[in-house]
């Protein structure tokens, strides 16, 4: 199976961008290894009390902080700047002027409320091209959607998968092997035109707009245009819920 590094070079990806993607993949591999042994750690999730609150107003767990530190450590040498869900300020990277072509935004550990029951979690990131003509410009302070060059997420579950977009002709999936190498396992990832599932928090139903409430009611009864009687699947991890919907 083709390794991630070989795939990126086979696709002719810019070498500086290869470094950024490989650093994000390495961080994901490290997080996966920590999660594998989380309940055995001295500060394991089972012993945690109330933690700090991140910039999104969400309670941080120790693994949120640990995952963020891993991503920052791996990415800092290869990017100009970074933003994290766990840190309020834009962080400056160590890449030299010639290499500082890219910036990255990431959620180091999506779905950490699932950790104490060993349910799926993930990491999410987007890579943006830096504007070389503006010394202090950051896409995070303007319109990042206009300069995104790649995006991906890692899913930590029965296996660790890495799904990447923007780096070749197709969206491609990789699986972490026993040697901590991501190898291509899904050469072409295509979302089916229709699927049998919907994924959302039913407890928020009182806040739904009327159109969504009507569609969910119809979907459960097979009254949508596809005629499918939909089933609900929701584990409160965007990476996990999106991954299922993307594939099925």
Protein backbone atom coordinates (compact mmCIF):
# COMPACT_ATOMS: atom_id res chain seq x y z
CA UNK A 1 0.00 0.00 0.00
CA UNK A 2 1.27 3.43 -0.97
CA UNK A 3 2.49 5.51 1.98
CA UNK A 4 1.23 9.06 2.51
CA UNK A 5 4.64 10.60 1.81
CA UNK A 6 5.01 8.63 -1.43
CA UNK A 7 1.47 9.57 -2.47
CA UNK A 8 2.12 13.29 -1.96
CA UNK A 9 5.29 13.20 -4.01
CA UNK A 10 3.63 11.03 -6.67
CA UNK A 11 0.95 13.72 -6.99
CA UNK A 12 3.62 16.42 -7.37
CA UNK A 13 2.57 18.33 -4.26
CA UNK A 14 4.75 21.33 -3.42
CA UNK A 15 7.51 20.26 -1.02
CA UNK A 16 6.66 22.89 1.59
CA UNK A 17 3.03 21.76 1.54
CA UNK A 18 4.21 18.14 1.85
CA UNK A 19 6.00 19.12 5.07
CA UNK A 20 2.83 20.69 6.48
CA UNK A 21 0.60 17.72 5.63
CA UNK A 22 3.15 15.22 6.93
CA UNK A 23 3.45 17.20 10.18
CA UNK A 24 -0.35 17.14 10.61
CA UNK A 25 -0.36 13.40 9.86
CA UNK A 26 2.47 12.83 12.36
CA UNK A 27 0.54 14.78 14.99
CA UNK A 28 -2.55 12.66 14.29
CA UNK A 29 -0.49 9.48 14.66
CA UNK A 30 0.85 10.70 18.01
CA UNK A 31 -2.64 11.59 19.23
CA UNK A 32 -3.90 8.14 18.16
CA UNK A 33 -1.14 6.48 20.18
CA UNK A 34 -1.97 8.57 23.26
CA UNK A 35 -5.67 7.76 22.94
CA UNK A 36 -4.87 4.05 22.72
CA UNK A 37 -3.42 4.20 26.23
CA UNK A 38 -5.50 7.05 27.65
CA UNK A 39 -7.20 5.10 30.43
CA UNK A 40 -3.79 3.89 31.65
CA UNK A 41 -2.23 7.35 31.95
CA UNK A 42 -1.71 8.88 35.36
CA UNK A 43 -4.01 11.77 34.44
CA UNK A 44 -6.44 9.55 32.55
CA UNK A 45 -9.86 10.81 31.69
CA UNK A 46 -11.60 8.75 34.37
CA UNK A 47 -9.86 10.70 37.13
CA UNK A 48 -10.56 14.14 35.70
CA UNK A 49 -12.59 16.80 37.40
CA UNK A 50 -13.88 20.03 35.83
CA UNK A 51 -11.29 21.55 33.50
CA UNK A 52 -10.62 24.94 31.94
CA UNK A 53 -12.89 26.39 29.27
CA UNK A 54 -11.57 26.92 25.74
CA UNK A 55 -12.30 29.86 23.43
CA UNK A 56 -15.47 28.13 22.20
CA UNK A 57 -16.86 27.97 25.73
CA UNK A 58 -16.31 24.21 25.91
CA UNK A 59 -14.80 22.47 28.92
CA UNK A 60 -11.28 21.26 28.19
CA UNK A 61 -10.15 17.79 29.12
CA UNK A 62 -6.51 16.97 29.71
CA UNK A 63 -6.41 15.16 26.36
CA UNK A 64 -7.63 18.33 24.60
CA UNK A 65 -4.60 20.13 26.02
CA UNK A 66 -2.27 17.22 25.24
CA UNK A 67 -3.51 16.93 21.64
CA UNK A 68 -3.15 20.67 21.13
CA UNK A 69 0.44 20.57 22.40
CA UNK A 70 1.23 17.72 19.99
CA UNK A 71 -0.18 19.57 16.98
CA UNK A 72 1.61 22.80 17.89
CA UNK A 73 4.92 21.00 18.39
CA UNK A 74 4.70 19.17 15.07
CA UNK A 75 3.41 22.08 13.00
CA UNK A 76 5.34 25.03 14.39
CA UNK A 77 8.56 24.31 12.43
CA UNK A 78 6.79 24.14 9.05
CA UNK A 79 4.13 26.88 9.04
CA UNK A 80 4.03 30.67 9.21
CA UNK A 81 1.09 30.81 11.63
CA UNK A 82 -1.44 28.50 13.27
CA UNK A 83 -4.85 28.78 14.91
CA UNK A 84 -6.33 26.17 17.23
CA UNK A 85 -9.76 25.69 18.75
CA UNK A 86 -8.00 25.43 22.09
CA UNK A 87 -6.05 28.73 21.88
CA UNK A 88 -7.51 32.20 21.52
CA UNK A 89 -4.58 33.93 19.79
CA UNK A 90 -2.98 33.30 16.41
CA UNK A 91 0.30 31.41 17.01
CA UNK A 92 3.44 32.23 15.04
CA UNK A 93 5.37 29.37 13.47
CA UNK A 94 9.12 28.94 13.02
CA UNK A 95 9.25 28.40 9.25
CA UNK A 96 11.89 30.52 7.53
CA UNK A 97 10.84 33.18 5.04
CA UNK A 98 11.24 30.91 2.02
CA UNK A 99 9.30 28.09 3.63
CA UNK A 100 6.58 30.18 5.28
CA UNK A 101 4.11 29.71 2.45
CA UNK A 102 1.35 28.05 4.45
CA UNK A 103 -0.79 28.53 7.52
CA UNK A 104 -3.00 26.00 9.26
CA UNK A 105 -6.15 25.96 11.37
CA UNK A 106 -7.01 22.89 13.42
CA UNK A 107 -9.21 21.32 16.04
CA UNK A 108 -6.71 18.98 17.70
CA UNK A 109 -9.31 16.72 19.31
CA UNK A 110 -12.88 16.79 18.07
CA UNK A 111 -15.47 15.02 20.23
CA UNK A 112 -13.45 14.79 23.43
CA UNK A 113 -16.67 14.36 25.44
CA UNK A 114 -16.60 10.79 24.06
CA UNK A 115 -13.26 9.91 25.64
CA UNK A 116 -14.49 8.51 28.93
CA UNK A 117 -16.59 5.90 27.07
CA UNK A 118 -13.98 5.12 24.37
CA UNK A 119 -16.24 6.38 21.57
CA UNK A 120 -14.81 7.79 18.30
CA UNK A 121 -13.02 11.12 18.21
CA UNK A 122 -11.01 12.97 15.57
CA UNK A 123 -8.76 15.84 14.53
CA UNK A 124 -9.66 18.36 11.81
CA UNK A 125 -7.42 20.78 9.90
CA UNK A 126 -7.32 23.16 6.95
CA UNK A 127 -4.20 24.49 5.22
CA UNK A 128 -4.11 27.96 3.66
CA UNK A 129 -1.68 29.70 1.35
CA UNK A 130 -0.01 32.75 2.84
CA UNK A 131 0.00 36.01 0.88
CA UNK A 132 3.68 36.66 0.09
CA UNK A 133 2.97 40.30 -0.81
CA UNK A 134 1.80 41.26 2.66
CA UNK A 135 4.29 40.76 5.47
CA UNK A 136 1.76 40.73 8.30
CA UNK A 137 -1.22 39.34 6.43
CA UNK A 138 -2.95 36.25 7.74
CA UNK A 139 -5.91 34.58 6.00
CA UNK A 140 -7.35 33.94 9.46
CA UNK A 141 -7.87 37.69 9.78
CA UNK A 142 -9.61 38.00 6.40
CA UNK A 143 -11.20 35.37 4.16
CA UNK A 144 -9.52 31.99 4.71
CA UNK A 145 -11.95 30.23 2.39
CA UNK A 146 -10.32 32.04 -0.54
CA UNK A 147 -6.84 30.70 0.12
CA UNK A 148 -7.44 27.13 1.34
CA UNK A 149 -5.28 24.64 -0.52
CA UNK A 150 -5.89 21.42 1.43
CA UNK A 151 -8.05 20.02 4.20
CA UNK A 152 -8.34 16.81 6.11
CA UNK A 153 -9.39 14.99 9.22
CA UNK A 154 -8.22 12.03 11.25
CA UNK A 155 -10.72 9.60 12.73
CA UNK A 156 -9.69 7.70 15.87
CA UNK A 157 -11.88 4.61 16.13
CA UNK A 158 -11.49 0.86 15.47
CA UNK A 159 -8.71 2.03 13.14
CA UNK A 160 -7.14 5.44 12.62
CA UNK A 161 -8.04 6.89 9.23
CA UNK A 162 -6.83 10.08 7.60
CA UNK A 163 -8.97 11.63 4.85
CA UNK A 164 -7.36 14.31 2.68
CA UNK A 165 -8.74 16.67 0.03
CA UNK A 166 -7.11 19.17 -2.31
CA UNK A 167 -3.81 17.34 -2.77
CA UNK A 168 -4.60 15.41 -5.93
CA UNK A 169 -7.39 14.63 -8.32
CA UNK A 170 -9.41 12.71 -5.73
CA UNK A 171 -10.29 12.81 -2.06
CA UNK A 172 -8.15 10.00 -0.64
CA UNK A 173 -8.16 7.96 2.58
CA UNK A 174 -5.22 6.51 4.50
CA UNK A 175 -5.07 4.06 7.41
CA UNK A 176 -2.43 4.08 10.14
CA UNK A 177 -0.57 0.75 10.14
CA UNK A 178 1.25 -1.02 12.99
CA UNK A 179 4.47 0.84 12.09
CA UNK A 180 2.74 4.23 12.53
CA UNK A 181 2.75 4.88 8.79
CA UNK A 182 -0.34 6.14 7.00
CA UNK A 183 -0.96 3.98 3.92
CA UNK A 184 -3.54 4.54 1.21
CA UNK A 185 -6.63 2.45 1.90
CA UNK A 186 -9.33 4.44 0.07
CA UNK A 187 -7.95 5.55 -3.33
CA UNK A 188 -11.12 7.42 -4.24
CA UNK A 189 -13.56 8.70 -1.63
CA UNK A 190 -16.89 9.73 -3.15
CA UNK A 191 -20.03 10.56 -1.20
CA UNK A 192 -23.02 8.59 -2.54
CA UNK A 193 -25.78 10.67 -4.06
CA UNK A 194 -28.18 9.34 -1.45
CA UNK A 195 -27.68 7.44 1.77
CA UNK A 196 -29.77 5.79 4.51
CA UNK A 197 -28.71 7.99 7.45
CA UNK A 198 -29.10 11.45 8.86
CA UNK A 199 -26.93 12.72 11.69
CA UNK A 200 -27.89 15.48 14.10
CA UNK A 201 -28.63 16.10 17.78
CA UNK A 202 -32.31 15.27 18.26
CA UNK A 203 -32.26 17.04 21.63
CA UNK A 204 -32.04 20.35 19.74
CA UNK A 205 -35.35 19.70 17.98
CA UNK A 206 -37.11 22.60 19.77
CA UNK A 207 -34.63 24.97 18.09
CA UNK A 208 -34.97 23.54 14.57
CA UNK A 209 -36.49 25.65 11.78
CA UNK A 210 -39.81 24.34 10.50
CA UNK A 211 -38.29 23.11 7.23
CA UNK A 212 -35.77 20.87 9.01
CA UNK A 213 -38.40 19.52 11.39
CA UNK A 214 -40.66 18.62 8.47
CA UNK A 215 -37.82 16.97 6.51
CA UNK A 216 -36.74 14.80 9.45
CA UNK A 217 -40.35 13.73 10.00
CA UNK A 218 -40.66 12.79 6.31
CA UNK A 219 -37.25 11.06 6.24
CA UNK A 220 -38.21 8.75 9.10
CA UNK A 221 -41.33 7.69 7.19
CA UNK A 222 -39.81 7.30 3.73
CA UNK A 223 -41.61 10.34 2.38
CA UNK A 224 -38.59 12.08 0.83
CA UNK A 225 -37.90 11.98 -2.91
CA UNK A 226 -35.68 8.89 -2.51
CA UNK A 227 -38.37 6.90 -0.72
CA UNK A 228 -35.77 5.76 1.84
CA UNK A 229 -36.79 5.31 5.47
CA UNK A 230 -33.82 7.03 7.05
CA UNK A 231 -32.14 5.97 10.30
CA UNK A 232 -30.38 8.30 12.74
CA UNK A 233 -26.70 7.91 13.59
CA UNK A 234 -25.07 10.43 15.94
CA UNK A 235 -22.06 10.11 18.26
CA UNK A 236 -21.32 13.83 18.90
CA UNK A 237 -18.01 13.85 17.05
CA UNK A 238 -18.05 15.77 13.78
CA UNK A 239 -15.22 13.70 12.32
CA UNK A 240 -16.99 10.42 13.11
CA UNK A 241 -20.47 11.51 12.04
CA UNK A 242 -19.19 13.17 8.87
CA UNK A 243 -17.03 10.14 8.02
CA UNK A 244 -20.02 7.79 8.15
CA UNK A 245 -22.16 10.12 6.07
CA UNK A 246 -19.36 10.67 3.54
CA UNK A 247 -18.86 6.95 2.98
CA UNK A 248 -22.41 5.61 3.30
